[in-house]
C-alpha atoms as a PDB file:
ATOM      1  CA  MET A   1      35.525  -6.217  12.377  1.00  0.00           C
ATOM      2  CA  ALA A   2      34.591  -3.021  14.239  1.00  0.00           C
ATOM      3  CA  THR A   3      38.143  -1.740  13.733  1.00  0.00           C
ATOM      4  CA  ILE A   4      37.719  -2.150   9.959  1.00  0.00           C
ATOM      5  CA  LEU A   5      34.122  -1.007   9.596  1.00  0.00           C
ATOM      6  CA  ARG A   6      33.258   2.279  11.250  1.00  0.00           C
ATOM      7  CA  PRO A   7      30.295   3.868   9.455  1.00  0.00           C
ATOM      8  CA  ASN A   8      29.401   7.411  10.462  1.00  0.00           C
ATOM      9  CA  PRO A   9      25.596   7.999  10.290  1.00  0.00           C
ATOM     10  CA  SER A  10      26.152  11.783  10.463  1.00  0.00           C
ATOM     11  CA  SER A  11      28.411  11.987   7.394  1.00  0.00           C
ATOM     12  CA  GLY A  12      25.584  12.429   4.888  1.00  0.00           C
ATOM     13  CA  VAL A  13      26.731   9.324   2.944  1.00  0.00           C
ATOM     14  CA  PRO A  14      24.338   6.332   3.211  1.00  0.00           C
ATOM     15  CA  VAL A  15      25.636   3.872   5.787  1.00  0.00           C
ATOM     16  CA  TYR A  16      25.372   0.906   3.419  1.00  0.00           C
ATOM     17  CA  VAL A  17      27.606   2.747   0.914  1.00  0.00           C
ATOM     18  CA  GLN A  18      30.134   3.403   3.679  1.00  0.00           C
ATOM     19  CA  LEU A  19      30.135  -0.313   4.557  1.00  0.00           C
ATOM     20  CA  MET A  20      30.735  -1.244   0.917  1.00  0.00           C
ATOM     21  CA  GLU A  21      33.642   1.148   0.500  1.00  0.00           C
ATOM     22  CA  GLN A  22      35.200   0.179   3.829  1.00  0.00           C
ATOM     23  CA  LEU A  23      35.049  -3.529   2.957  1.00  0.00           C
ATOM     24  CA  LYS A  24      36.715  -2.821  -0.398  1.00  0.00           C
ATOM     25  CA  ASP A  25      39.394  -0.741   1.299  1.00  0.00           C
ATOM     26  CA  ALA A  26      40.012  -3.583   3.768  1.00  0.00           C
ATOM     27  CA  VAL A  27      40.683  -6.000   0.887  1.00  0.00           C
ATOM     28  CA  GLN A  28      42.974  -3.558  -0.887  1.00  0.00           C
ATOM     29  CA  SER A  29      44.951  -2.948   2.317  1.00  0.00           C
ATOM     30  CA  GLY A  30      45.195  -6.667   3.121  1.00  0.00           C
ATOM     31  CA  ALA A  31      43.077  -6.445   6.276  1.00  0.00           C
ATOM     32  CA  LEU A  32      40.689  -8.879   4.549  1.00  0.00           C
ATOM     33  CA  ARG A  33      41.830 -11.626   2.191  1.00  0.00           C
ATOM     34  CA  PRO A  34      40.029 -13.442  -0.623  1.00  0.00           C
ATOM     35  CA  GLY A  35      38.060 -16.365   0.749  1.00  0.00           C
ATOM     36  CA  GLU A  36      37.950 -14.921   4.273  1.00  0.00           C
ATOM     37  CA  SER A  37      34.552 -15.218   5.945  1.00  0.00           C
ATOM     38  CA  LEU A  38      32.514 -12.129   6.757  1.00  0.00           C
ATOM     39  CA  PRO A  39      30.140 -11.745   9.723  1.00  0.00           C
ATOM     40  CA  GLY A  40      26.500 -12.576   9.182  1.00  0.00           C
ATOM     41  CA  ILE A  41      23.986  -9.791   8.682  1.00  0.00           C
ATOM     42  CA  HIS A  42      22.527  -9.740  12.183  1.00  0.00           C
ATOM     43  CA  PRO A  43      25.807 -10.177  14.119  1.00  0.00           C
ATOM     44  CA  LEU A  44      27.435  -7.350  12.137  1.00  0.00           C
ATOM     45  CA  ALA A  45      24.374  -5.092  12.553  1.00  0.00           C
ATOM     46  CA  GLN A  46      24.448  -5.709  16.294  1.00  0.00           C
ATOM     47  CA  GLU A  47      28.187  -5.037  16.525  1.00  0.00           C
ATOM     48  CA  LEU A  48      27.927  -1.746  14.589  1.00  0.00           C
ATOM     49  CA  VAL A  49      24.590  -0.744  16.201  1.00  0.00           C
ATOM     50  CA  ILE A  50      22.852  -0.281  12.858  1.00  0.00           C
ATOM     51  CA  HIS A  51      19.749  -1.774  11.248  1.00  0.00           C
ATOM     52  CA  PRO A  52      20.147  -5.288   9.765  1.00  0.00           C
ATOM     53  CA  ASN A  53      18.574  -4.054   6.512  1.00  0.00           C
ATOM     54  CA  THR A  54      21.531  -1.689   6.099  1.00  0.00           C
ATOM     55  CA  VAL A  55      24.023  -4.575   6.276  1.00  0.00           C
ATOM     56  CA  ALA A  56      21.814  -6.697   4.017  1.00  0.00           C
ATOM     57  CA  ARG A  57      21.737  -3.976   1.371  1.00  0.00           C
ATOM     58  CA  ALA A  58      25.514  -3.529   1.483  1.00  0.00           C
ATOM     59  CA  TYR A  59      26.068  -7.282   1.125  1.00  0.00           C
ATOM     60  CA  HIS A  60      23.507  -7.479  -1.691  1.00  0.00           C
ATOM     61  CA  GLU A  61      25.187  -4.692  -3.657  1.00  0.00           C
ATOM     62  CA  LEU A  62      28.641  -6.189  -3.110  1.00  0.00           C
ATOM     63  CA  ALA A  63      27.402  -9.605  -4.222  1.00  0.00           C
ATOM     64  CA  SER A  64      25.830  -8.124  -7.362  1.00  0.00           C
ATOM     65  CA  GLN A  65      29.253  -6.681  -8.215  1.00  0.00           C
ATOM     66  CA  GLY A  66      30.892 -10.014  -7.569  1.00  0.00           C
ATOM     67  CA  PHE A  67      32.904  -8.624  -4.698  1.00  0.00           C
ATOM     68  CA  ILE A  68      31.621 -11.110  -2.121  1.00  0.00           C
ATOM     69  CA  ASN A  69      30.299 -14.625  -2.413  1.00  0.00           C
ATOM     70  CA  VAL A  70      27.047 -15.431  -0.604  1.00  0.00           C
ATOM     71  CA  SER A  71      26.434 -18.856  -2.133  1.00  0.00           C
ATOM     72  CA  ASP A  72      28.417 -20.656   0.547  1.00  0.00           C
ATOM     73  CA  ALA A  73      26.176 -22.004   3.328  1.00  0.00           C
ATOM     74  CA  SER A  74      28.748 -20.958   5.909  1.00  0.00           C
ATOM     75  CA  GLY A  75      28.031 -17.294   5.197  1.00  0.00           C
ATOM     76  CA  PRO A  76      29.354 -14.461   3.008  1.00  0.00           C
ATOM     77  CA  SER A  77      33.021 -14.375   2.112  1.00  0.00           C
ATOM     78  CA  VAL A  78      35.356 -12.187   0.084  1.00  0.00           C
ATOM     79  CA  ALA A  79      35.338 -13.286  -3.552  1.00  0.00           C
ATOM     80  CA  PHE A  80      37.619 -10.837  -5.383  1.00  0.00           C
ATOM     81  CA  MET A  81      41.322 -11.510  -5.542  1.00  0.00           C
ATOM     82  CA  PRO A  82      43.719  -8.580  -5.031  1.00  0.00           C
ATOM     83  CA  ASP A  83      44.734  -6.720  -8.175  1.00  0.00           C
ATOM     84  CA  SER A  84      48.213  -8.261  -8.092  1.00  0.00           C
ATOM     85  CA  VAL A  85      46.886 -11.741  -8.912  1.00  0.00           C
ATOM     86  CA  GLU A  86      43.996 -10.775 -11.168  1.00  0.00           C
ATOM     87  CA  SER A  87      44.352 -10.370 -14.858  1.00  0.00           C
ATOM     88  CA  ALA A  88      44.197  -6.792 -16.121  1.00  0.00           C
ATOM     89  CA  GLU A  89      40.930  -7.227 -18.027  1.00  0.00           C
ATOM     90  CA  PRO A  90      38.746  -8.370 -15.070  1.00  0.00           C
ATOM     91  CA  VAL A  91      40.302  -5.671 -12.928  1.00  0.00           C
ATOM     92  CA  LEU A  92      39.438  -2.974 -15.463  1.00  0.00           C
ATOM     93  CA  GLU A  93      35.927  -4.383 -15.913  1.00  0.00           C
ATOM     94  CA  ARG A  94      35.411  -4.443 -12.161  1.00  0.00           C
ATOM     95  CA  ARG A  95      36.711  -0.936 -11.713  1.00  0.00           C
ATOM     96  CA  GLY A  96      34.486   0.305 -14.528  1.00  0.00           C
ATOM     97  CA  ALA A  97      31.444  -1.363 -12.983  1.00  0.00           C
ATOM     98  CA  GLN A  98      32.289   0.042  -9.578  1.00  0.00           C
ATOM     99  CA  ALA A  99      32.819   3.537 -10.979  1.00  0.00           C
ATOM    100  CA  GLY A 100      29.448   3.403 -12.715  1.00  0.00           C
ATOM    101  CA  PHE A 101      27.766   2.178  -9.556  1.00  0.00           C
ATOM    102  CA  VAL A 102      29.365   4.881  -7.417  1.00  0.00           C
ATOM    103  CA  GLU A 103      28.341   7.518  -9.951  1.00  0.00           C
ATOM    104  CA  ARG A 104      24.735   6.285  -9.888  1.00  0.00           C
ATOM    105  CA  LEU A 105      24.814   6.436  -6.101  1.00  0.00           C
ATOM    106  CA  ARG A 106      26.171   9.964  -6.219  1.00  0.00           C
ATOM    107  CA  ILE A 107      23.417  11.078  -8.571  1.00  0.00           C
ATOM    108  CA  GLU A 108      20.786   9.381  -6.423  1.00  0.00           C
ATOM    109  CA  ARG A 109      22.227  10.918  -3.251  1.00  0.00           C
ATOM    110  CA  ASP A 110      22.328  14.374  -4.816  1.00  0.00           C
ATOM    111  CA  ARG A 111      18.728  14.012  -5.952  1.00  0.00           C
ATOM    112  CA  GLU A 112      17.615  12.904  -2.482  1.00  0.00           C
ATOM    113  CA  MET A 113      19.544  15.737  -0.840  1.00  0.00           C
ATOM    114  CA  GLU A 114      17.991  18.309  -3.164  1.00  0.00           C
ATOM    115  CA  GLY A 115      14.541  16.954  -2.330  1.00  0.00           C
ATOM    116  CA  ALA A 116      15.311  17.142   1.384  1.00  0.00           C
ATOM    117  CA  ARG A 117      16.598  20.690   0.978  1.00  0.00           C
ATOM    118  CA  GLU A 118      13.382  21.740  -0.758  1.00  0.00           C
ATOM    119  CA  VAL A 119      11.293  20.167   2.011  1.00  0.00           C
ATOM    120  CA  GLN A 120      13.321  21.914   4.696  1.00  0.00           C
ATOM    121  CA  GLN A 121      13.040  25.273   2.966  1.00  0.00           C
ATOM    122  CA  ARG A 122       9.259  24.920   3.143  1.00  0.00           C
ATOM    123  CA  LEU A 123       9.539  24.627   6.926  1.00  0.00           C
ATOM    124  CA  PHE A 124      10.921  28.155   7.151  1.00  0.00           C
ATOM    125  CA  PRO A 125       8.457  31.091   7.031  1.00  0.00           C
ATOM    126  CA  GLN A 126       7.155  31.586   3.496  1.00  0.00           C
ATOM    127  CA  ASP A 127       5.696  35.022   4.233  1.00  0.00           C
ATOM    128  CA  CYS A 128       5.550  37.595   7.026  1.00  0.00           C
ATOM    129  CA  PRO A 129       1.968  38.229   8.218  1.00  0.00           C
ATOM    130  CA  HIS A 130       1.357  41.900   8.955  1.00  0.00           C
ATOM    131  CA  ILE A 131       1.679  42.927  12.589  1.00  0.00           C
ATOM    132  CA  PRO A 132       1.086  46.670  13.101  1.00  0.00           C
ATOM    133  CA  GLY A 133       4.164  48.507  14.341  1.00  0.00           C
ATOM    134  CA  PHE A 134       6.467  45.543  13.760  1.00  0.00           C
ATOM    135  CA  ASP A 135       8.563  44.716  10.681  1.00  0.00           C
ATOM    136  CA  TYR A 136      10.569  41.498  10.572  1.00  0.00           C
ATOM    137  CA  SER A 137      12.520  39.160   8.312  1.00  0.00           C
ATOM    138  CA  GLY A 138      14.819  36.146   8.513  1.00  0.00           C
ATOM    139  CA  ARG A 139      17.030  33.841   6.531  1.00  0.00           C
ATOM    140  CA  SER A 140      18.750  30.499   7.057  1.00  0.00           C
ATOM    141  CA  ARG A 141      21.510  28.882   5.001  1.00  0.00           C
ATOM    142  CA  ALA A 142      22.680  25.327   5.597  1.00  0.00           C
ATOM    143  CA  ALA A 143      26.383  24.515   5.464  1.00  0.00           C
ATOM    144  CA  SER A 144      25.717  21.353   3.428  1.00  0.00           C
ATOM    145  CA  GLY A 145      22.383  20.769   1.717  1.00  0.00           C
ATOM    146  CA  VAL A 146      20.225  20.557   4.812  1.00  0.00           C
ATOM    147  CA  GLY A 147      21.024  21.675   8.339  1.00  0.00           C
ATOM    148  CA  GLY A 148      19.951  21.972  11.930  1.00  0.00           C
ATOM    149  CA  ASP A 149      19.306  25.719  12.191  1.00  0.00           C
ATOM    150  CA  TYR A 150      15.727  26.845  12.716  1.00  0.00           C
ATOM    151  CA  TYR A 151      13.832  30.100  12.743  1.00  0.00           C
ATOM    152  CA  ASP A 152      10.142  30.872  12.690  1.00  0.00           C
ATOM    153  CA  PHE A 153       7.597  33.674  12.905  1.00  0.00           C
ATOM    154  CA  ILE A 154       4.222  32.522  14.224  1.00  0.00           C
ATOM    155  CA  ARG A 155       1.168  34.782  14.009  1.00  0.00           C
ATOM    156  CA  LEU A 156      -0.647  34.526  17.333  1.00  0.00           C
ATOM    157  CA  SER A 157      -3.258  37.267  16.850  1.00  0.00           C
ATOM    158  CA  ASP A 158      -3.750  40.524  14.973  1.00  0.00           C
ATOM    159  CA  THR A 159      -1.169  42.211  17.216  1.00  0.00           C
ATOM    160  CA  GLN A 160       0.907  39.292  18.525  1.00  0.00           C
ATOM    161  CA  LEU A 161       3.782  37.407  16.955  1.00  0.00           C
ATOM    162  CA  GLY A 162       5.813  34.401  18.077  1.00  0.00           C
ATOM    163  CA  ILE A 163       9.543  34.623  17.294  1.00  0.00           C
ATOM    164  CA  ALA A 164      11.735  31.525  17.397  1.00  0.00           C
ATOM    165  CA  ILE A 165      15.320  30.647  16.532  1.00  0.00           C
ATOM    166  CA  GLY A 166      17.221  27.481  17.301  1.00  0.00           C
ATOM    167  CA  ASP A 167      20.377  25.530  16.573  1.00  0.00           C
ATOM    168  CA  VAL A 168      20.452  21.727  16.660  1.00  0.00           C
ATOM    169  CA  SER A 169      23.752  20.016  17.457  1.00  0.00           C
ATOM    170  CA  GLY A 170      25.462  18.354  14.523  1.00  0.00           C
ATOM    171  CA  LYS A 171      24.946  18.853  10.803  1.00  0.00           C
ATOM    172  CA  GLY A 172      23.331  17.279   7.793  1.00  0.00           C
ATOM    173  CA  MET A 173      20.323  14.977   7.729  1.00  0.00           C
ATOM    174  CA  PRO A 174      20.282  13.925  11.432  1.00  0.00           C
ATOM    175  CA  ALA A 175      20.296  17.574  12.522  1.00  0.00           C
ATOM    176  CA  ALA A 176      17.662  18.445   9.913  1.00  0.00           C
ATOM    177  CA  LEU A 177      15.329  15.725  11.192  1.00  0.00           C
ATOM    178  CA  LEU A 178      15.630  16.970  14.774  1.00  0.00           C
ATOM    179  CA  MET A 179      15.145  20.537  13.524  1.00  0.00           C
ATOM    180  CA  ALA A 180      11.831  19.496  11.928  1.00  0.00           C
ATOM    181  CA  THR A 181      10.829  17.769  15.166  1.00  0.00           C
ATOM    182  CA  LEU A 182      11.698  20.867  17.207  1.00  0.00           C
ATOM    183  CA  ARG A 183       9.647  23.055  14.887  1.00  0.00           C
ATOM    184  CA  ALA A 184       6.638  20.748  15.091  1.00  0.00           C
ATOM    185  CA  TYR A 185       6.778  20.567  18.895  1.00  0.00           C
ATOM    186  CA  LEU A 186       7.139  24.318  19.320  1.00  0.00           C
ATOM    187  CA  ARG A 187       4.422  25.205  16.826  1.00  0.00           C
ATOM    188  CA  GLY A 188       2.109  22.639  18.385  1.00  0.00           C
ATOM    189  CA  GLN A 189       2.419  24.358  21.762  1.00  0.00           C
ATOM    190  CA  THR A 190       2.363  27.984  20.604  1.00  0.00           C
ATOM    191  CA  MET A 191      -0.190  28.305  17.798  1.00  0.00           C
ATOM    192  CA  GLY A 192      -2.091  30.536  20.200  1.00  0.00           C
ATOM    193  CA  ARG A 193      -0.661  32.829  22.840  1.00  0.00           C
ATOM    194  CA  VAL A 194       0.500  31.042  25.989  1.00  0.00           C
ATOM    195  CA  ASP A 195       1.130  32.599  29.381  1.00  0.00           C
ATOM    196  CA  ASP A 196       3.916  30.410  30.760  1.00  0.00           C
ATOM    197  CA  LEU A 197       6.788  30.243  28.297  1.00  0.00           C
ATOM    198  CA  GLY A 198       8.974  28.504  30.871  1.00  0.00           C
ATOM    199  CA  ALA A 199       6.521  25.603  30.976  1.00  0.00           C
ATOM    200  CA  VAL A 200       6.461  25.490  27.166  1.00  0.00           C
ATOM    201  CA  MET A 201      10.246  25.172  27.027  1.00  0.00           C
ATOM    202  CA  ALA A 202      10.316  22.598  29.840  1.00  0.00           C
ATOM    203  CA  LEU A 203       7.876  20.420  27.891  1.00  0.00           C
ATOM    204  CA  LEU A 204       9.889  20.956  24.719  1.00  0.00           C
ATOM    205  CA  ASN A 205      12.993  19.821  26.594  1.00  0.00           C
ATOM    206  CA  LYS A 206      11.218  16.688  27.773  1.00  0.00           C
ATOM    207  CA  LEU A 207       9.939  15.823  24.298  1.00  0.00           C
ATOM    208  CA  VAL A 208      13.307  16.345  22.603  1.00  0.00           C
ATOM    209  CA  TYR A 209      15.131  14.419  25.341  1.00  0.00           C
ATOM    210  CA  GLU A 210      12.814  11.431  24.983  1.00  0.00           C
ATOM    211  CA  SER A 211      12.872  11.342  21.182  1.00  0.00           C
ATOM    212  CA  SER A 212      16.540  11.921  20.310  1.00  0.00           C
ATOM    213  CA  ALA A 213      19.939  10.322  20.835  1.00  0.00           C
ATOM    214  CA  ALA A 214      22.067  11.235  23.845  1.00  0.00           C
ATOM    215  CA  ASN A 215      24.400  13.399  21.735  1.00  0.00           C
ATOM    216  CA  ARG A 216      21.541  15.408  20.203  1.00  0.00           C
ATOM    217  CA  PHE A 217      20.324  18.646  21.739  1.00  0.00           C
ATOM    218  CA  ALA A 218      19.380  22.143  20.648  1.00  0.00           C
ATOM    219  CA  SER A 219      19.619  25.723  21.801  1.00  0.00           C
ATOM    220  CA  CYS A 220      16.371  27.619  21.356  1.00  0.00           C
ATOM    221  CA  PHE A 221      15.021  31.136  21.867  1.00  0.00           C
ATOM    222  CA  TYR A 222      11.284  31.775  21.810  1.00  0.00           C
ATOM    223  CA  GLY A 223       9.565  35.111  22.359  1.00  0.00           C
ATOM    224  CA  GLN A 224       6.056  36.530  22.107  1.00  0.00           C
ATOM    225  CA  TYR A 225       5.718  40.148  21.074  1.00  0.00           C
ATOM    226  CA  ASP A 226       2.515  42.185  21.425  1.00  0.00           C
ATOM    227  CA  SER A 227       2.585  45.375  19.363  1.00  0.00           C
ATOM    228  CA  ALA A 228      -0.340  46.749  21.380  1.00  0.00           C
ATOM    229  CA  THR A 229       1.745  46.854  24.572  1.00  0.00           C
ATOM    230  CA  ARG A 230       5.240  46.661  22.967  1.00  0.00           C
ATOM    231  CA  VAL A 231       6.101  43.925  25.485  1.00  0.00           C
ATOM    232  CA  LEU A 232       8.342  41.059  24.410  1.00  0.00           C
ATOM    233  CA  GLU A 233       8.086  38.025  26.670  1.00  0.00           C
ATOM    234  CA  TYR A 234      10.752  35.401  26.069  1.00  0.00           C
ATOM    235  CA  VAL A 235      12.618  32.330  27.238  1.00  0.00           C
ATOM    236  CA  ASN A 236      16.150  31.510  26.135  1.00  0.00           C
ATOM    237  CA  ALA A 237      17.217  27.857  26.293  1.00  0.00           C
ATOM    238  CA  GLY A 238      20.981  28.168  26.034  1.00  0.00           C
ATOM    239  CA  HIS A 239      20.944  30.099  22.758  1.00  0.00           C
ATOM    240  CA  ASN A 240      23.266  32.920  21.702  1.00  0.00           C
ATOM    241  CA  PRO A 241      21.734  35.989  23.353  1.00  0.00           C
ATOM    242  CA  PRO A 242      19.758  37.990  20.782  1.00  0.00           C
ATOM    243  CA  PHE A 243      20.643  41.680  20.626  1.00  0.00           C
ATOM    244  CA  ILE A 244      18.287  44.599  20.994  1.00  0.00           C
ATOM    245  CA  VAL A 245      19.823  47.726  19.469  1.00  0.00           C
ATOM    246  CA  ARG A 246      18.421  50.818  21.162  1.00  0.00           C
ATOM    247  CA  THR A 247      19.073  54.550  20.787  1.00  0.00           C
ATOM    248  CA  ARG A 248      18.517  56.856  23.765  1.00  0.00           C
ATOM    249  CA  ASN A 249      19.453  60.522  23.779  1.00  0.00           C
ATOM    250  CA  GLY A 250      21.584  59.979  20.711  1.00  0.00           C
ATOM    251  CA  GLN A 251      23.518  57.170  22.402  1.00  0.00           C
ATOM    252  CA  ARG A 252      23.485  53.622  21.059  1.00  0.00           C
ATOM    253  CA  GLU A 253      23.262  50.664  23.404  1.00  0.00           C
ATOM    254  CA  ILE A 254      22.885  46.932  22.939  1.00  0.00           C
ATOM    255  CA  VAL A 255      20.707  44.916  25.307  1.00  0.00           C
ATOM    256  CA  ARG A 256      21.413  41.173  25.393  1.00  0.00           C
ATOM    257  CA  LEU A 257      18.609  38.692  26.052  1.00  0.00           C
ATOM    258  CA  ASP A 258      20.702  36.190  27.987  1.00  0.00           C
ATOM    259  CA  ALA A 259      19.913  32.527  28.577  1.00  0.00           C
ATOM    260  CA  THR A 260      17.180  31.720  31.099  1.00  0.00           C
ATOM    261  CA  GLY A 261      17.789  27.960  31.071  1.00  0.00           C
ATOM    262  CA  SER A 262      19.958  25.248  29.536  1.00  0.00           C
ATOM    263  CA  VAL A 263      19.772  23.771  26.036  1.00  0.00           C
ATOM    264  CA  VAL A 264      16.838  21.447  25.343  1.00  0.00           C
ATOM    265  CA  GLY A 265      17.212  17.694  25.015  1.00  0.00           C
ATOM    266  CA  MET A 266      20.461  17.245  26.941  1.00  0.00           C
ATOM    267  CA  MET A 267      18.977  16.200  30.288  1.00  0.00           C
ATOM    268  CA  PRO A 268      15.477  15.793  31.744  1.00  0.00           C
ATOM    269  CA  GLY A 269      13.814  17.980  34.313  1.00  0.00           C
ATOM    270  CA  CYS A 270      15.350  21.333  33.344  1.00  0.00           C
ATOM    271  CA  ALA A 271      13.730  24.567  34.544  1.00  0.00           C
ATOM    272  CA  TYR A 272      13.284  27.602  32.297  1.00  0.00           C
ATOM    273  CA  PHE A 273      12.408  31.117  33.352  1.00  0.00           C
ATOM    274  CA  GLN A 274      10.360  33.671  31.464  1.00  0.00           C
ATOM    275  CA  ARG A 275      11.579  37.240  31.121  1.00  0.00           C
ATOM    276  CA  SER A 276      10.068  40.319  29.528  1.00  0.00           C
ATOM    277  CA  ILE A 277      11.261  43.599  28.051  1.00  0.00           C
ATOM    278  CA  THR A 278       9.388  46.562  26.622  1.00  0.00           C
ATOM    279  CA  LEU A 279      10.565  47.557  23.165  1.00  0.00           C
ATOM    280  CA  GLU A 280      10.840  51.260  22.433  1.00  0.00           C
ATOM    281  CA  PRO A 281      10.033  52.765  19.017  1.00  0.00           C
ATOM    282  CA  GLY A 282      13.078  52.233  16.821  1.00  0.00           C
ATOM    283  CA  ASP A 283      14.399  49.208  18.742  1.00  0.00           C
ATOM    284  CA  VAL A 284      15.825  46.466  16.532  1.00  0.00           C
ATOM    285  CA  LEU A 285      15.875  42.844  17.686  1.00  0.00           C
ATOM    286  CA  ILE A 286      18.566  40.686  16.064  1.00  0.00           C
ATOM    287  CA  ALA A 287      18.694  36.937  16.730  1.00  0.00           C
ATOM    288  CA  PHE A 288      21.349  34.692  15.191  1.00  0.00           C
ATOM    289  CA  THR A 289      22.975  31.286  15.408  1.00  0.00           C
ATOM    290  CA  ASP A 290      26.644  30.712  16.081  1.00  0.00           C
ATOM    291  CA  GLY A 291      27.277  29.980  12.408  1.00  0.00           C
ATOM    292  CA  ILE A 292      27.275  33.776  12.060  1.00  0.00           C
ATOM    293  CA  SER A 293      29.360  34.755  15.062  1.00  0.00           C
ATOM    294  CA  GLU A 294      31.748  31.818  14.592  1.00  0.00           C
ATOM    295  CA  ALA A 295      32.224  32.131  10.820  1.00  0.00           C
ATOM    296  CA  MET A 296      35.887  31.331  10.126  1.00  0.00           C
ATOM    297  CA  ASN A 297      38.313  32.758   7.616  1.00  0.00           C
ATOM    298  CA  GLY A 298      41.300  31.010   6.060  1.00  0.00           C
ATOM    299  CA  ARG A 299      43.472  31.891   9.067  1.00  0.00           C
ATOM    300  CA  ASP A 300      41.075  30.151  11.485  1.00  0.00           C
ATOM    301  CA  GLU A 301      39.942  33.490  12.907  1.00  0.00           C
ATOM    302  CA  GLU A 302      36.340  33.901  14.052  1.00  0.00           C
ATOM    303  CA  PHE A 303      34.038  36.654  12.873  1.00  0.00           C
ATOM    304  CA  GLY A 304      33.076  37.074  16.537  1.00  0.00           C
ATOM    305  CA  GLU A 305      30.413  39.039  18.335  1.00  0.00           C
ATOM    306  CA  GLU A 306      32.553  42.180  18.348  1.00  0.00           C
ATOM    307  CA  ARG A 307      32.611  42.332  14.545  1.00  0.00           C
ATOM    308  CA  LEU A 308      28.947  41.334  14.452  1.00  0.00           C
ATOM    309  CA  SER A 309      28.078  44.197  16.829  1.00  0.00           C
ATOM    310  CA  ALA A 310      30.037  46.632  14.680  1.00  0.00           C
ATOM    311  CA  ALA A 311      28.162  45.463  11.585  1.00  0.00           C
ATOM    312  CA  ILE A 312      24.845  45.812  13.396  1.00  0.00           C
ATOM    313  CA  GLU A 313      25.842  49.346  14.337  1.00  0.00           C
ATOM    314  CA  ARG A 314      26.368  50.127  10.640  1.00  0.00           C
ATOM    315  CA  TYR A 315      23.142  48.615   9.357  1.00  0.00           C
ATOM    316  CA  HIS A 316      20.562  48.781  12.147  1.00  0.00           C
ATOM    317  CA  THR A 317      18.679  51.695  10.541  1.00  0.00           C
ATOM    318  CA  LEU A 318      17.883  49.674   7.399  1.00  0.00           C
ATOM    319  CA  GLU A 319      14.782  47.583   6.791  1.00  0.00           C
ATOM    320  CA  PRO A 320      14.912  44.143   8.486  1.00  0.00           C
ATOM    321  CA  ARG A 321      15.290  42.286   5.167  1.00  0.00           C
ATOM    322  CA  GLU A 322      18.270  44.477   4.245  1.00  0.00           C
ATOM    323  CA  ILE A 323      19.847  44.042   7.669  1.00  0.00           C
ATOM    324  CA  VAL A 324      19.629  40.260   7.281  1.00  0.00           C
ATOM    325  CA  GLU A 325      21.315  40.367   3.882  1.00  0.00           C
ATOM    326  CA  ARG A 326      24.022  42.822   4.945  1.00  0.00           C
ATOM    327  CA  LEU A 327      24.946  40.786   8.020  1.00  0.00           C
ATOM    328  CA  MET A 328      25.107  37.582   5.985  1.00  0.00           C
ATOM    329  CA  ASN A 329      27.318  39.372   3.462  1.00  0.00           C
ATOM    330  CA  GLU A 330      29.591  40.712   6.211  1.00  0.00           C
ATOM    331  CA  ALA A 331      30.143  37.195   7.590  1.00  0.00           C
ATOM    332  CA  ASP A 332      30.778  35.855   4.076  1.00  0.00           C
ATOM    333  CA  ALA A 333      33.218  38.656   3.276  1.00  0.00           C
ATOM    334  CA  PHE A 334      35.133  37.973   6.476  1.00  0.00           C
ATOM    335  CA  ALA A 335      35.294  34.249   5.673  1.00  0.00           C
ATOM    336  CA  GLY A 336      36.766  35.146   2.288  1.00  0.00           C
ATOM    337  CA  GLY A 337      35.601  31.977   0.589  1.00  0.00           C
ATOM    338  CA  ALA A 338      36.820  29.594   3.308  1.00  0.00           C
ATOM    339  CA  ALA A 339      34.598  26.534   3.687  1.00  0.00           C
ATOM    340  CA  GLN A 340      32.082  26.925   6.504  1.00  0.00           C
ATOM    341  CA  HIS A 341      31.076  23.958   8.616  1.00  0.00           C
ATOM    342  CA  ASP A 342      28.096  25.428  10.447  1.00  0.00           C
ATOM    343  CA  ASP A 343      24.687  26.629   9.337  1.00  0.00           C
ATOM    344  CA  MET A 344      24.029  30.378   9.339  1.00  0.00           C
ATOM    345  CA  THR A 345      20.718  31.918  10.435  1.00  0.00           C
ATOM    346  CA  ILE A 346      19.583  35.459  11.234  1.00  0.00           C
ATOM    347  CA  GLY A 347      16.219  36.875  12.291  1.00  0.00           C
ATOM    348  CA  VAL A 348      15.612  40.643  12.547  1.00  0.00           C
ATOM    349  CA  ALA A 349      12.604  42.566  13.866  1.00  0.00           C
ATOM    350  CA  HIS A 350      12.046  46.331  14.065  1.00  0.00           C
ATOM    351  CA  ALA A 351       9.623  48.018  16.455  1.00  0.00           C
ATOM    352  CA  THR A 352       8.410  50.930  14.333  1.00  0.00           C
ATOM    353  CA  THR A 353       6.524  54.079  15.246  1.00  0.00           C
ATOM    354  CA  ARG A 354       3.582  53.141  13.026  1.00  0.00           C
END
């Protein structure tokens, strides 16, 4: 049965709906025949490594449509005959009922996804608390409804700000749930200034590792900036290196804040190292996820860090909010309308002279 039924929990379609459609497809293809017995709820749940309630709901919906028969004490069995031996009228009635059911499911799924999207949007910063000498802005856009990208600005004191950006593996609802978990863990540890960012990230790694599946992990950058000293302390857990755009003696240079440890959640016991850099007046910090640098056009070409750097060079003198919008637009223009399969997030901060 596992070769016929292969639900994908990461697809964004409810697993019970996938089971229903796959069972119907199996009958239409001849892999299952009318009268053939189906596995019981618990054996099938165990075989597919899913919750028994998911199988029970799929069977219940199929029975309500008349597709399977559950009245037999021996267990559920296929009830519908193939179209070739059914009269046209029952077939049309069945197809109409199925189409209406699928449409109701689609509407329900869209409504649930919109609710989830609204909840996730509330997890992103809703305002930017004033930090003297530091302007900042950010934006995140999911590839499909909800996503696994994360960014945050956390006010630590009158002069100190926490800056975070992360990228959870995968897409859709599973990634969004881990993103919310990551945010909660990080905020819980950094609501006030902490001295050892490496220890913070090591604990975050432990918590994510213990609470997520083996194929779930996240890259994460977290920094603490103090406008009184202009020092940015940071730790980079396998994330795309943020750029610092700096002008000295009329010459532009880009400083990369490279990784200081591996991604979080992949393996226990990882070590993370704290680094620091002093920002000069006019420096612009730009953090991003790989949905930006790896945006693809119709020819399967990547936007790439070279094009991103060139765009940063063009727009780095603008206000942070404008830089965010211009960089998003540049990636979109390069993609030229091609479907994107990764979330896109940018955070920008400007060390001003004020």
